[in-house]
Amino acid sequence: MPRSLRPDAVLVQAVIAGALSFAHLHDLAEAAGQSGWKGWVYPISVDLLMVAAWRRLRTARRDRSAWVWFVIALVASLGANIATAGLLDLHDVPAWLRILVAGWPALAFLGGTLLVHAPDKDTAPAKPPTQPVDNPTAHAVDVRRDDAPAPAPAPVSAPELPTAPPDVPAAPAVTVPAALLDHARKIAESHRAATGTPMPADVLSARLGLPGPTADAIAAELQLT
């Protein structure tokens, strides 16, 4: 026998529980005034809501609304099983139970719609982790030794210096009066006659009391040192 056709104990238990629950729900719905085909559709609505909530829990276990609707469908199924076990007079069903059974289809439709069209929070694509930005300064610097000689620095030319001092304007020529020149010559000759040596220029300048340029001009004329 293929593996897919082998009997499963859990599957058999599910079929038995589903059949009994279906029958109990039908009996309760029929006792609450849902006769004919309505009594057979009522248990299908309860089971479909439970299946929808269970499938929702498989994909999103943290969805609280799925747990709420699963518990509601489970209470409806267990309540019907307990009520038909002799705890409730099916010939005299209370009004609140009739109202609950009559309003169940709308409640089951609302729950099924919310479960089917709710987004899957657990299966949503996760955001990719943020990649750290490469820091250019953090990369190792590749230092290589270069044995080639470094180029010689370009010679720095020294500023050209002038070879000759700048031209200095010549001092203006001093004109010596003829009378002053004759007087100085007499003094110089008297000094030569008395001492036998020429009169120094500075001594002549001191005797005459003349300024330097004039005394130099007289000394030049008299050829004194």
C-alpha atoms as a PDB file:
ATOM      1  CA  MET A   1       0.000   0.000   0.000  1.00  0.00           C
ATOM      2  CA  PRO A   2       1.417   3.438  -0.882  1.00  0.00           C
ATOM      3  CA  ARG A   3       2.439   5.594   2.025  1.00  0.00           C
ATOM      4  CA  SER A   4      -0.107   8.314   1.134  1.00  0.00           C
ATOM      5  CA  LEU A   5      -3.007   5.813   1.539  1.00  0.00           C
ATOM      6  CA  ARG A   6      -1.981   4.438   4.916  1.00  0.00           C
ATOM      7  CA  PRO A   7      -4.533   5.090   7.674  1.00  0.00           C
ATOM      8  CA  ASP A   8      -3.564   7.744  10.210  1.00  0.00           C
ATOM      9  CA  ALA A   9      -4.932   7.537  13.743  1.00  0.00           C
ATOM     10  CA  VAL A  10      -5.081  11.308  14.036  1.00  0.00           C
ATOM     11  CA  LEU A  11      -6.981  11.558  10.753  1.00  0.00           C
ATOM     12  CA  VAL A  12      -9.480   8.951  11.909  1.00  0.00           C
ATOM     13  CA  GLN A  13      -9.994  10.825  15.190  1.00  0.00           C
ATOM     14  CA  ALA A  14     -10.511  14.050  13.262  1.00  0.00           C
ATOM     15  CA  VAL A  15     -13.201  12.432  11.071  1.00  0.00           C
ATOM     16  CA  ILE A  16     -15.018  11.044  14.107  1.00  0.00           C
ATOM     17  CA  ALA A  17     -14.851  14.325  16.023  1.00  0.00           C
ATOM     18  CA  GLY A  18     -15.948  16.296  12.964  1.00  0.00           C
ATOM     19  CA  ALA A  19     -18.932  13.984  12.318  1.00  0.00           C
ATOM     20  CA  LEU A  20     -20.145  14.094  15.925  1.00  0.00           C
ATOM     21  CA  SER A  21     -19.635  17.851  16.191  1.00  0.00           C
ATOM     22  CA  PHE A  22     -21.464  18.326  12.902  1.00  0.00           C
ATOM     23  CA  ALA A  23     -24.426  16.285  14.179  1.00  0.00           C
ATOM     24  CA  HIS A  24     -24.575  18.130  17.495  1.00  0.00           C
ATOM     25  CA  LEU A  25     -24.455  21.520  15.801  1.00  0.00           C
ATOM     26  CA  HIS A  26     -27.227  20.456  13.420  1.00  0.00           C
ATOM     27  CA  ASP A  27     -29.428  19.305  16.286  1.00  0.00           C
ATOM     28  CA  LEU A  28     -28.879  22.535  18.213  1.00  0.00           C
ATOM     29  CA  ALA A  29     -29.552  24.719  15.172  1.00  0.00           C
ATOM     30  CA  GLU A  30     -32.721  22.803  14.355  1.00  0.00           C
ATOM     31  CA  ALA A  31     -33.910  23.089  17.975  1.00  0.00           C
ATOM     32  CA  ALA A  32     -33.242  26.861  17.829  1.00  0.00           C
ATOM     33  CA  GLY A  33     -35.549  27.266  14.836  1.00  0.00           C
ATOM     34  CA  GLN A  34     -33.120  26.637  11.950  1.00  0.00           C
ATOM     35  CA  SER A  35     -35.054  23.821  10.286  1.00  0.00           C
ATOM     36  CA  GLY A  36     -34.496  22.192   6.920  1.00  0.00           C
ATOM     37  CA  TRP A  37     -31.366  23.020   4.953  1.00  0.00           C
ATOM     38  CA  LYS A  38     -30.515  25.855   7.376  1.00  0.00           C
ATOM     39  CA  GLY A  39     -29.854  23.362  10.134  1.00  0.00           C
ATOM     40  CA  TRP A  40     -27.309  21.536   7.928  1.00  0.00           C
ATOM     41  CA  VAL A  41     -25.501  24.726   6.817  1.00  0.00           C
ATOM     42  CA  TYR A  42     -25.064  26.021  10.387  1.00  0.00           C
ATOM     43  CA  PRO A  43     -22.412  23.431  11.472  1.00  0.00           C
ATOM     44  CA  ILE A  44     -20.512  23.997   8.201  1.00  0.00           C
ATOM     45  CA  SER A  45     -20.231  27.707   9.071  1.00  0.00           C
ATOM     46  CA  VAL A  46     -18.825  26.897  12.524  1.00  0.00           C
ATOM     47  CA  ASP A  47     -16.272  24.404  11.201  1.00  0.00           C
ATOM     48  CA  LEU A  48     -15.150  26.704   8.374  1.00  0.00           C
ATOM     49  CA  LEU A  49     -14.495  29.518  10.843  1.00  0.00           C
ATOM     50  CA  MET A  50     -12.422  27.181  12.988  1.00  0.00           C
ATOM     51  CA  VAL A  51     -10.421  25.987   9.971  1.00  0.00           C
ATOM     52  CA  ALA A  52      -9.795  29.568   8.809  1.00  0.00           C
ATOM     53  CA  ALA A  53      -8.576  30.575  12.281  1.00  0.00           C
ATOM     54  CA  TRP A  54      -6.346  27.490  12.498  1.00  0.00           C
ATOM     55  CA  ARG A  55      -4.745  28.219   9.113  1.00  0.00           C
ATOM     56  CA  ARG A  56      -4.182  31.786  10.168  1.00  0.00           C
ATOM     57  CA  LEU A  57      -2.407  30.639  13.325  1.00  0.00           C
ATOM     58  CA  ARG A  58      -0.056  28.480  11.237  1.00  0.00           C
ATOM     59  CA  THR A  59       1.234  31.516   9.321  1.00  0.00           C
ATOM     60  CA  ALA A  60       0.948  34.163  12.047  1.00  0.00           C
ATOM     61  CA  ARG A  61       1.097  32.728  15.554  1.00  0.00           C
ATOM     62  CA  ARG A  62       1.328  36.174  17.119  1.00  0.00           C
ATOM     63  CA  ASP A  63      -1.926  37.339  15.536  1.00  0.00           C
ATOM     64  CA  ARG A  64      -4.284  37.825  18.493  1.00  0.00           C
ATOM     65  CA  SER A  65      -7.347  38.143  16.275  1.00  0.00           C
ATOM     66  CA  ALA A  66      -6.740  34.614  14.944  1.00  0.00           C
ATOM     67  CA  TRP A  67      -6.721  33.271  18.507  1.00  0.00           C
ATOM     68  CA  VAL A  68      -9.933  35.188  19.296  1.00  0.00           C
ATOM     69  CA  TRP A  69     -11.845  33.756  16.325  1.00  0.00           C
ATOM     70  CA  PHE A  70     -10.466  30.279  16.951  1.00  0.00           C
ATOM     71  CA  VAL A  71     -11.724  30.377  20.541  1.00  0.00           C
ATOM     72  CA  ILE A  72     -15.142  31.678  19.386  1.00  0.00           C
ATOM     73  CA  ALA A  73     -15.540  28.798  16.902  1.00  0.00           C
ATOM     74  CA  LEU A  74     -14.280  26.291  19.486  1.00  0.00           C
ATOM     75  CA  VAL A  75     -16.768  27.531  22.100  1.00  0.00           C
ATOM     76  CA  ALA A  76     -19.591  27.291  19.565  1.00  0.00           C
ATOM     77  CA  SER A  77     -18.641  23.699  18.707  1.00  0.00           C
ATOM     78  CA  LEU A  78     -18.079  22.574  22.305  1.00  0.00           C
ATOM     79  CA  GLY A  79     -21.190  24.420  23.445  1.00  0.00           C
ATOM     80  CA  ALA A  80     -23.319  22.500  20.962  1.00  0.00           C
ATOM     81  CA  ASN A  81     -21.760  19.181  22.060  1.00  0.00           C
ATOM     82  CA  ILE A  82     -22.436  19.913  25.727  1.00  0.00           C
ATOM     83  CA  ALA A  83     -25.926  21.340  25.138  1.00  0.00           C
ATOM     84  CA  THR A  84     -27.097  18.259  23.211  1.00  0.00           C
ATOM     85  CA  ALA A  85     -25.732  15.916  25.881  1.00  0.00           C
ATOM     86  CA  GLY A  86     -28.930  16.318  27.939  1.00  0.00           C
ATOM     87  CA  LEU A  87     -28.053  19.592  29.709  1.00  0.00           C
ATOM     88  CA  LEU A  88     -30.444  21.596  27.506  1.00  0.00           C
ATOM     89  CA  ASP A  89     -34.064  20.915  26.727  1.00  0.00           C
ATOM     90  CA  LEU A  90     -34.079  20.923  22.954  1.00  0.00           C
ATOM     91  CA  HIS A  91     -37.866  21.274  22.955  1.00  0.00           C
ATOM     92  CA  ASP A  92     -37.694  24.554  24.936  1.00  0.00           C
ATOM     93  CA  VAL A  93     -34.609  26.515  23.778  1.00  0.00           C
ATOM     94  CA  PRO A  94     -34.140  29.892  25.548  1.00  0.00           C
ATOM     95  CA  ALA A  95     -34.546  33.083  23.567  1.00  0.00           C
ATOM     96  CA  TRP A  96     -30.911  34.213  23.948  1.00  0.00           C
ATOM     97  CA  LEU A  97     -29.740  30.969  22.348  1.00  0.00           C
ATOM     98  CA  ARG A  98     -32.162  31.400  19.437  1.00  0.00           C
ATOM     99  CA  ILE A  99     -30.800  34.932  18.903  1.00  0.00           C
ATOM    100  CA  LEU A 100     -27.203  33.674  19.042  1.00  0.00           C
ATOM    101  CA  VAL A 101     -27.847  30.892  16.549  1.00  0.00           C
ATOM    102  CA  ALA A 102     -29.708  33.240  14.175  1.00  0.00           C
ATOM    103  CA  GLY A 103     -26.899  35.836  14.246  1.00  0.00           C
ATOM    104  CA  TRP A 104     -24.080  33.308  13.933  1.00  0.00           C
ATOM    105  CA  PRO A 105     -23.793  33.346  10.081  1.00  0.00           C
ATOM    106  CA  ALA A 106     -23.100  37.071  10.013  1.00  0.00           C
ATOM    107  CA  LEU A 107     -20.569  36.740  12.847  1.00  0.00           C
ATOM    108  CA  ALA A 108     -18.842  33.815  11.116  1.00  0.00           C
ATOM    109  CA  PHE A 109     -18.682  35.715   7.811  1.00  0.00           C
ATOM    110  CA  LEU A 110     -17.099  38.719   9.520  1.00  0.00           C
ATOM    111  CA  GLY A 111     -14.489  36.582  11.257  1.00  0.00           C
ATOM    112  CA  GLY A 112     -13.647  34.600   8.130  1.00  0.00           C
ATOM    113  CA  THR A 113     -13.233  37.770   6.052  1.00  0.00           C
ATOM    114  CA  LEU A 114     -10.903  39.355   8.608  1.00  0.00           C
ATOM    115  CA  LEU A 115      -8.804  36.191   8.863  1.00  0.00           C
ATOM    116  CA  VAL A 116      -8.423  35.675   5.125  1.00  0.00           C
ATOM    117  CA  HIS A 117      -7.599  39.262   4.186  1.00  0.00           C
ATOM    118  CA  ALA A 118      -5.361  40.108   7.148  1.00  0.00           C
ATOM    119  CA  PRO A 119      -1.661  40.627   6.221  1.00  0.00           C
ATOM    120  CA  ASP A 120       0.799  38.007   7.382  1.00  0.00           C
ATOM    121  CA  LYS A 121       3.010  39.702   9.960  1.00  0.00           C
ATOM    122  CA  ASP A 122       5.267  36.695  10.552  1.00  0.00           C
ATOM    123  CA  THR A 123       5.790  36.003   6.833  1.00  0.00           C
ATOM    124  CA  ALA A 124       6.456  39.609   5.820  1.00  0.00           C
ATOM    125  CA  PRO A 125       9.852  39.973   4.134  1.00  0.00           C
ATOM    126  CA  ALA A 126      12.420  41.051   6.635  1.00  0.00           C
ATOM    127  CA  LYS A 127      14.361  44.184   5.948  1.00  0.00           C
ATOM    128  CA  PRO A 128      17.861  43.508   4.757  1.00  0.00           C
ATOM    129  CA  PRO A 129      20.492  44.339   7.349  1.00  0.00           C
ATOM    130  CA  THR A 130      22.113  47.663   6.892  1.00  0.00           C
ATOM    131  CA  GLN A 131      25.537  47.252   5.403  1.00  0.00           C
ATOM    132  CA  PRO A 132      28.233  49.251   7.179  1.00  0.00           C
ATOM    133  CA  VAL A 133      29.603  52.073   5.104  1.00  0.00           C
ATOM    134  CA  ASP A 134      33.182  51.481   4.143  1.00  0.00           C
ATOM    135  CA  ASN A 135      35.449  54.040   5.707  1.00  0.00           C
ATOM    136  CA  PRO A 136      38.118  55.013   3.185  1.00  0.00           C
ATOM    137  CA  THR A 137      40.465  56.057   5.956  1.00  0.00           C
ATOM    138  CA  ALA A 138      40.208  52.651   7.655  1.00  0.00           C
ATOM    139  CA  HIS A 139      41.883  50.803   4.778  1.00  0.00           C
ATOM    140  CA  ALA A 140      45.521  49.894   5.243  1.00  0.00           C
ATOM    141  CA  VAL A 141      47.950  52.086   3.418  1.00  0.00           C
ATOM    142  CA  ASP A 142      50.198  50.205   1.005  1.00  0.00           C
ATOM    143  CA  VAL A 143      53.703  51.485   1.697  1.00  0.00           C
ATOM    144  CA  ARG A 144      56.364  50.233  -0.722  1.00  0.00           C
ATOM    145  CA  ARG A 145      60.079  50.969  -0.651  1.00  0.00           C
ATOM    146  CA  ASP A 146      61.488  52.505  -3.785  1.00  0.00           C
ATOM    147  CA  ASP A 147      65.240  51.992  -4.186  1.00  0.00           C
ATOM    148  CA  ALA A 148      65.495  54.461  -7.045  1.00  0.00           C
ATOM    149  CA  PRO A 149      67.400  57.628  -6.077  1.00  0.00           C
ATOM    150  CA  ALA A 150      65.288  60.631  -5.449  1.00  0.00           C
ATOM    151  CA  PRO A 151      65.640  63.378  -8.063  1.00  0.00           C
ATOM    152  CA  ALA A 152      68.046  66.111  -7.078  1.00  0.00           C
ATOM    153  CA  PRO A 153      66.404  69.367  -6.172  1.00  0.00           C
ATOM    154  CA  ALA A 154      66.614  72.121  -8.700  1.00  0.00           C
ATOM    155  CA  PRO A 155      69.410  74.604  -7.910  1.00  0.00           C
ATOM    156  CA  VAL A 156      68.248  77.836  -6.442  1.00  0.00           C
ATOM    157  CA  SER A 157      69.837  80.767  -8.149  1.00  0.00           C
ATOM    158  CA  ALA A 158      71.235  83.413  -5.799  1.00  0.00           C
ATOM    159  CA  PRO A 159      70.199  86.952  -6.416  1.00  0.00           C
ATOM    160  CA  GLU A 160      72.679  88.836  -8.547  1.00  0.00           C
ATOM    161  CA  LEU A 161      74.705  91.339  -6.536  1.00  0.00           C
ATOM    162  CA  PRO A 162      75.985  94.526  -8.100  1.00  0.00           C
ATOM    163  CA  THR A 163      79.681  94.257  -8.999  1.00  0.00           C
ATOM    164  CA  ALA A 164      80.348  97.927  -8.395  1.00  0.00           C
ATOM    165  CA  PRO A 165      78.930 100.217  -5.800  1.00  0.00           C
ATOM    166  CA  PRO A 166      76.289 102.509  -7.047  1.00  0.00           C
ATOM    167  CA  ASP A 167      77.412 105.793  -8.355  1.00  0.00           C
ATOM    168  CA  VAL A 168      77.843 108.365  -5.590  1.00  0.00           C
ATOM    169  CA  PRO A 169      77.385 111.905  -6.688  1.00  0.00           C
ATOM    170  CA  ALA A 170      80.642 113.794  -6.518  1.00  0.00           C
ATOM    171  CA  ALA A 171      81.024 116.561  -4.003  1.00  0.00           C
ATOM    172  CA  PRO A 172      80.808 119.993  -5.491  1.00  0.00           C
ATOM    173  CA  ALA A 173      84.165 121.670  -6.113  1.00  0.00           C
ATOM    174  CA  VAL A 174      85.267 124.269  -3.516  1.00  0.00           C
ATOM    175  CA  THR A 175      86.466 127.562  -4.895  1.00  0.00           C
ATOM    176  CA  VAL A 176      89.269 129.098  -2.821  1.00  0.00           C
ATOM    177  CA  PRO A 177      89.733 132.868  -3.051  1.00  0.00           C
ATOM    178  CA  ALA A 178      93.123 133.972  -4.351  1.00  0.00           C
ATOM    179  CA  ALA A 179      93.796 136.116  -1.303  1.00  0.00           C
ATOM    180  CA  LEU A 180      93.112 133.204   1.059  1.00  0.00           C
ATOM    181  CA  LEU A 181      95.287 130.956  -1.057  1.00  0.00           C
ATOM    182  CA  ASP A 182      98.199 133.505  -0.948  1.00  0.00           C
ATOM    183  CA  HIS A 183      97.828 133.833   2.806  1.00  0.00           C
ATOM    184  CA  ALA A 184      97.954 130.061   3.249  1.00  0.00           C
ATOM    185  CA  ARG A 185     101.013 129.830   0.988  1.00  0.00           C
ATOM    186  CA  LYS A 186     102.881 132.381   3.137  1.00  0.00           C
ATOM    187  CA  ILE A 187     102.090 130.424   6.278  1.00  0.00           C
ATOM    188  CA  ALA A 188     103.258 127.195   4.686  1.00  0.00           C
ATOM    189  CA  GLU A 189     106.504 128.755   3.421  1.00  0.00           C
ATOM    190  CA  SER A 190     107.228 130.270   6.847  1.00  0.00           C
ATOM    191  CA  HIS A 191     106.759 126.817   8.389  1.00  0.00           C
ATOM    192  CA  ARG A 192     109.132 125.265   5.812  1.00  0.00           C
ATOM    193  CA  ALA A 193     111.722 127.952   6.435  1.00  0.00           C
ATOM    194  CA  ALA A 194     111.512 127.495  10.203  1.00  0.00           C
ATOM    195  CA  THR A 195     111.339 123.692  10.337  1.00  0.00           C
ATOM    196  CA  GLY A 196     112.770 122.633   6.997  1.00  0.00           C
ATOM    197  CA  THR A 197     109.753 120.340   6.389  1.00  0.00           C
ATOM    198  CA  PRO A 198     106.452 120.904   4.589  1.00  0.00           C
ATOM    199  CA  MET A 199     103.585 122.010   6.758  1.00  0.00           C
ATOM    200  CA  PRO A 200     101.045 119.286   7.317  1.00  0.00           C
ATOM    201  CA  ALA A 201      97.578 119.940   5.933  1.00  0.00           C
ATOM    202  CA  ASP A 202      95.828 119.444   9.261  1.00  0.00           C
ATOM    203  CA  VAL A 203      98.184 121.940  10.929  1.00  0.00           C
ATOM    204  CA  LEU A 204      97.412 124.460   8.178  1.00  0.00           C
ATOM    205  CA  SER A 205      93.727 123.838   8.565  1.00  0.00           C
ATOM    206  CA  ALA A 206      94.035 124.448  12.325  1.00  0.00           C
ATOM    207  CA  ARG A 207      96.056 127.692  11.767  1.00  0.00           C
ATOM    208  CA  LEU A 208      93.525 129.040   9.292  1.00  0.00           C
ATOM    209  CA  GLY A 209      90.444 127.823  11.207  1.00  0.00           C
ATOM    210  CA  LEU A 210      88.752 126.753   7.932  1.00  0.00           C
ATOM    211  CA  PRO A 211      86.225 123.981   7.392  1.00  0.00           C
ATOM    212  CA  GLY A 212      87.366 120.636   6.053  1.00  0.00           C
ATOM    213  CA  PRO A 213      86.495 121.004   2.336  1.00  0.00           C
ATOM    214  CA  THR A 214      88.136 124.428   2.075  1.00  0.00           C
ATOM    215  CA  ALA A 215      91.254 123.293   3.948  1.00  0.00           C
ATOM    216  CA  ASP A 216      91.513 120.211   1.722  1.00  0.00           C
ATOM    217  CA  ALA A 217      91.233 122.350  -1.394  1.00  0.00           C
ATOM    218  CA  ILE A 218      94.044 124.677  -0.151  1.00  0.00           C
ATOM    219  CA  ALA A 219      96.227 121.686   0.774  1.00  0.00           C
ATOM    220  CA  ALA A 220      95.693 120.258  -2.689  1.00  0.00           C
ATOM    221  CA  GLU A 221      96.708 123.531  -4.293  1.00  0.00           C
ATOM    222  CA  LEU A 222      99.800 123.848  -2.112  1.00  0.00           C
ATOM    223  CA  GLN A 223     100.585 120.122  -2.478  1.00  0.00           C
ATOM    224  CA  LEU A 224     100.588 119.527   1.276  1.00  0.00           C
ATOM    225  CA  THR A 225     100.079 116.111   2.830  1.00  0.00           C
END
